[in-house]
Amino acid sequence: ETNLVTGKVRAESGSALCVETPVGRSSVASGKHDPGSTVHISIRPEAIDISSSLPKAGGPNSFAGKVEDVTFIGSRVVYKVRHPEGTLFKCQEPRSATGIRFSVGSDVALSWKPESIVVLAD
């Protein structure tokens, strides 16, 4: 299972890409794609961090959204978070001793590392 978002390559610097998507800019640590080309970025739910605030406002690889669903799967909690433009992302984290950190309707921030992204050609 993965989160898949379509975007356009805006710049390439060595092996790093900047991809513009409906959920914002993503800085990608790998891939060779021409600027202007359409790509899909794949981010696994376990590679996404969920928190109550963005690491840096407007920065790449992050967005603010609203929790739409919370599911327990064994020792993990799966959150479904909707971006304001409509894209639904899934993220997961270990269940803490105190239970779930966020409930349905919570405003949250999702972020991920550039090396967590897999780029797929269109």
C-alpha atoms as a PDB file:
ATOM      1  CA  GLU A   1       0.000   0.000   0.000  1.00  0.00           C
ATOM      2  CA  THR A   2       1.278   3.477  -0.863  1.00  0.00           C
ATOM      3  CA  ASN A   3       0.277   7.108  -1.350  1.00  0.00           C
ATOM      4  CA  LEU A   4       0.578   8.006  -5.036  1.00  0.00           C
ATOM      5  CA  VAL A   5       0.541  11.617  -6.264  1.00  0.00           C
ATOM      6  CA  THR A   6       1.055  12.930  -9.806  1.00  0.00           C
ATOM      7  CA  GLY A   7       3.282  15.934 -10.345  1.00  0.00           C
ATOM      8  CA  LYS A   8       5.574  17.818 -12.716  1.00  0.00           C
ATOM      9  CA  VAL A   9       9.333  17.950 -12.409  1.00  0.00           C
ATOM     10  CA  ARG A  10      10.257  21.614 -11.921  1.00  0.00           C
ATOM     11  CA  ALA A  11      14.013  21.320 -11.515  1.00  0.00           C
ATOM     12  CA  GLU A  12      16.808  18.801 -11.379  1.00  0.00           C
ATOM     13  CA  SER A  13      20.087  19.255  -9.571  1.00  0.00           C
ATOM     14  CA  GLY A  14      22.406  16.266  -9.809  1.00  0.00           C
ATOM     15  CA  SER A  15      20.338  13.349  -8.540  1.00  0.00           C
ATOM     16  CA  ALA A  16      17.801  15.544  -6.690  1.00  0.00           C
ATOM     17  CA  LEU A  17      14.450  16.580  -8.139  1.00  0.00           C
ATOM     18  CA  CYS A  18      11.885  19.213  -7.241  1.00  0.00           C
ATOM     19  CA  VAL A  19       8.389  17.932  -8.099  1.00  0.00           C
ATOM     20  CA  GLU A  20       5.302  20.171  -7.942  1.00  0.00           C
ATOM     21  CA  THR A  21       2.165  18.229  -6.916  1.00  0.00           C
ATOM     22  CA  PRO A  22      -1.393  19.130  -5.882  1.00  0.00           C
ATOM     23  CA  VAL A  23      -0.269  18.829  -2.223  1.00  0.00           C
ATOM     24  CA  GLY A  24       2.779  21.086  -2.699  1.00  0.00           C
ATOM     25  CA  ARG A  25       6.447  20.750  -3.579  1.00  0.00           C
ATOM     26  CA  SER A  26       8.319  17.527  -2.988  1.00  0.00           C
ATOM     27  CA  SER A  27      12.063  17.367  -2.845  1.00  0.00           C
ATOM     28  CA  VAL A  28      13.143  13.948  -4.055  1.00  0.00           C
ATOM     29  CA  ALA A  29      16.552  12.433  -3.325  1.00  0.00           C
ATOM     30  CA  SER A  30      16.740  10.255  -6.424  1.00  0.00           C
ATOM     31  CA  GLY A  31      15.630   9.963  -9.993  1.00  0.00           C
ATOM     32  CA  LYS A  32      16.576  11.257 -13.414  1.00  0.00           C
ATOM     33  CA  HIS A  33      13.685  13.026 -15.083  1.00  0.00           C
ATOM     34  CA  ASP A  34      13.588  16.026 -17.377  1.00  0.00           C
ATOM     35  CA  PRO A  35      12.125  19.319 -16.110  1.00  0.00           C
ATOM     36  CA  GLY A  36       8.514  19.570 -17.280  1.00  0.00           C
ATOM     37  CA  SER A  37       7.968  15.820 -17.361  1.00  0.00           C
ATOM     38  CA  THR A  38       5.029  14.245 -15.534  1.00  0.00           C
ATOM     39  CA  VAL A  39       5.914  11.775 -12.790  1.00  0.00           C
ATOM     40  CA  HIS A  40       4.194   9.993  -9.949  1.00  0.00           C
ATOM     41  CA  ILE A  41       5.644  10.061  -6.458  1.00  0.00           C
ATOM     42  CA  SER A  42       5.040   7.149  -4.138  1.00  0.00           C
ATOM     43  CA  ILE A  43       5.279   7.539  -0.353  1.00  0.00           C
ATOM     44  CA  ARG A  44       4.599   4.579   1.926  1.00  0.00           C
ATOM     45  CA  PRO A  45       2.291   5.257   4.923  1.00  0.00           C
ATOM     46  CA  GLU A  46       4.949   4.218   7.442  1.00  0.00           C
ATOM     47  CA  ALA A  47       7.403   6.776   5.955  1.00  0.00           C
ATOM     48  CA  ILE A  48       5.106   9.721   6.757  1.00  0.00           C
ATOM     49  CA  ASP A  49       5.378  11.525  10.087  1.00  0.00           C
ATOM     50  CA  ILE A  50       2.188  12.947  11.588  1.00  0.00           C
ATOM     51  CA  SER A  51       2.305  15.836  14.041  1.00  0.00           C
ATOM     52  CA  SER A  52       0.315  18.798  15.288  1.00  0.00           C
ATOM     53  CA  SER A  53       2.414  21.359  13.360  1.00  0.00           C
ATOM     54  CA  LEU A  54       4.472  21.599  10.175  1.00  0.00           C
ATOM     55  CA  PRO A  55       8.262  21.423  10.522  1.00  0.00           C
ATOM     56  CA  LYS A  56       8.614  24.619   8.474  1.00  0.00           C
ATOM     57  CA  ALA A  57       5.769  26.590   6.969  1.00  0.00           C
ATOM     58  CA  GLY A  58       5.456  26.150   3.231  1.00  0.00           C
ATOM     59  CA  GLY A  59       8.467  23.847   3.040  1.00  0.00           C
ATOM     60  CA  PRO A  60       8.722  20.851   0.724  1.00  0.00           C
ATOM     61  CA  ASN A  61       7.589  17.346   1.646  1.00  0.00           C
ATOM     62  CA  SER A  62       4.866  18.453   4.030  1.00  0.00           C
ATOM     63  CA  PHE A  63       1.299  19.690   4.221  1.00  0.00           C
ATOM     64  CA  ALA A  64      -1.439  20.466   6.703  1.00  0.00           C
ATOM     65  CA  GLY A  65      -4.668  18.488   6.594  1.00  0.00           C
ATOM     66  CA  LYS A  66      -7.555  17.069   8.579  1.00  0.00           C
ATOM     67  CA  VAL A  67      -7.877  13.548   9.987  1.00  0.00           C
ATOM     68  CA  GLU A  68     -10.831  11.757   8.345  1.00  0.00           C
ATOM     69  CA  ASP A  69     -10.390   8.267   9.766  1.00  0.00           C
ATOM     70  CA  VAL A  70      -8.430   6.478  12.489  1.00  0.00           C
ATOM     71  CA  THR A  71      -7.970   2.683  12.482  1.00  0.00           C
ATOM     72  CA  PHE A  72      -6.121   0.367  14.873  1.00  0.00           C
ATOM     73  CA  ILE A  73      -4.217  -2.455  13.176  1.00  0.00           C
ATOM     74  CA  GLY A  74      -2.531  -4.532  15.842  1.00  0.00           C
ATOM     75  CA  SER A  75       0.172  -2.369  17.391  1.00  0.00           C
ATOM     76  CA  ARG A  76      -0.178   0.385  14.765  1.00  0.00           C
ATOM     77  CA  VAL A  77      -2.530   3.299  14.253  1.00  0.00           C
ATOM     78  CA  VAL A  78      -3.462   4.219  10.670  1.00  0.00           C
ATOM     79  CA  TYR A  79      -4.626   7.773   9.979  1.00  0.00           C
ATOM     80  CA  LYS A  80      -6.326   8.946   6.796  1.00  0.00           C
ATOM     81  CA  VAL A  81      -5.627  12.650   6.317  1.00  0.00           C
ATOM     82  CA  ARG A  82      -7.234  14.862   3.671  1.00  0.00           C
ATOM     83  CA  HIS A  83      -5.305  17.720   2.071  1.00  0.00           C
ATOM     84  CA  PRO A  84      -7.457  20.872   1.520  1.00  0.00           C
ATOM     85  CA  GLU A  85      -7.397  20.314  -2.276  1.00  0.00           C
ATOM     86  CA  GLY A  86      -8.922  16.847  -1.801  1.00  0.00           C
ATOM     87  CA  THR A  87      -6.080  14.293  -1.899  1.00  0.00           C
ATOM     88  CA  LEU A  88      -6.340  11.624   0.801  1.00  0.00           C
ATOM     89  CA  PHE A  89      -3.098  10.374   2.368  1.00  0.00           C
ATOM     90  CA  LYS A  90      -2.607   7.381   4.638  1.00  0.00           C
ATOM     91  CA  CYS A  91       0.047   7.393   7.341  1.00  0.00           C
ATOM     92  CA  GLN A  92       0.732   5.087  10.237  1.00  0.00           C
ATOM     93  CA  GLU A  93       2.653   5.034  13.468  1.00  0.00           C
ATOM     94  CA  PRO A  94       3.118   2.687  16.415  1.00  0.00           C
ATOM     95  CA  ARG A  95       0.315   2.859  18.964  1.00  0.00           C
ATOM     96  CA  SER A  96       1.605   4.643  22.031  1.00  0.00           C
ATOM     97  CA  ALA A  97       0.977   3.520  25.611  1.00  0.00           C
ATOM     98  CA  THR A  98      -1.469   6.420  25.973  1.00  0.00           C
ATOM     99  CA  GLY A  99      -3.497   5.424  22.886  1.00  0.00           C
ATOM    100  CA  ILE A 100      -4.061   7.441  19.731  1.00  0.00           C
ATOM    101  CA  ARG A 101      -2.589  10.920  19.413  1.00  0.00           C
ATOM    102  CA  PHE A 102      -5.163  12.351  16.981  1.00  0.00           C
ATOM    103  CA  SER A 103      -8.879  11.842  16.484  1.00  0.00           C
ATOM    104  CA  VAL A 104     -11.216  12.329  13.522  1.00  0.00           C
ATOM    105  CA  GLY A 105     -11.480  16.046  12.791  1.00  0.00           C
ATOM    106  CA  SER A 106      -8.021  16.914  14.172  1.00  0.00           C
ATOM    107  CA  ASP A 107      -5.909  19.397  12.233  1.00  0.00           C
ATOM    108  CA  VAL A 108      -2.521  17.758  11.639  1.00  0.00           C
ATOM    109  CA  ALA A 109       0.641  18.076   9.592  1.00  0.00           C
ATOM    110  CA  LEU A 110       2.217  15.333   7.491  1.00  0.00           C
ATOM    111  CA  SER A 111       5.869  15.332   6.468  1.00  0.00           C
ATOM    112  CA  TRP A 112       8.338  12.917   4.907  1.00  0.00           C
ATOM    113  CA  LYS A 113      12.026  12.684   4.052  1.00  0.00           C
ATOM    114  CA  PRO A 114      13.229  13.041   0.445  1.00  0.00           C
ATOM    115  CA  GLU A 115      14.756   9.552   0.542  1.00  0.00           C
ATOM    116  CA  SER A 116      11.308   8.105   1.404  1.00  0.00           C
ATOM    117  CA  ILE A 117       9.948   8.997  -2.044  1.00  0.00           C
ATOM    118  CA  VAL A 118      10.001   6.687  -5.047  1.00  0.00           C
ATOM    119  CA  VAL A 119       9.595   8.455  -8.392  1.00  0.00           C
ATOM    120  CA  LEU A 120       7.722   6.645 -11.176  1.00  0.00           C
ATOM    121  CA  ALA A 121       7.647   7.847 -14.777  1.00  0.00           C
ATOM    122  CA  ASP A 122       4.282   8.631 -16.360  1.00  0.00           C
END
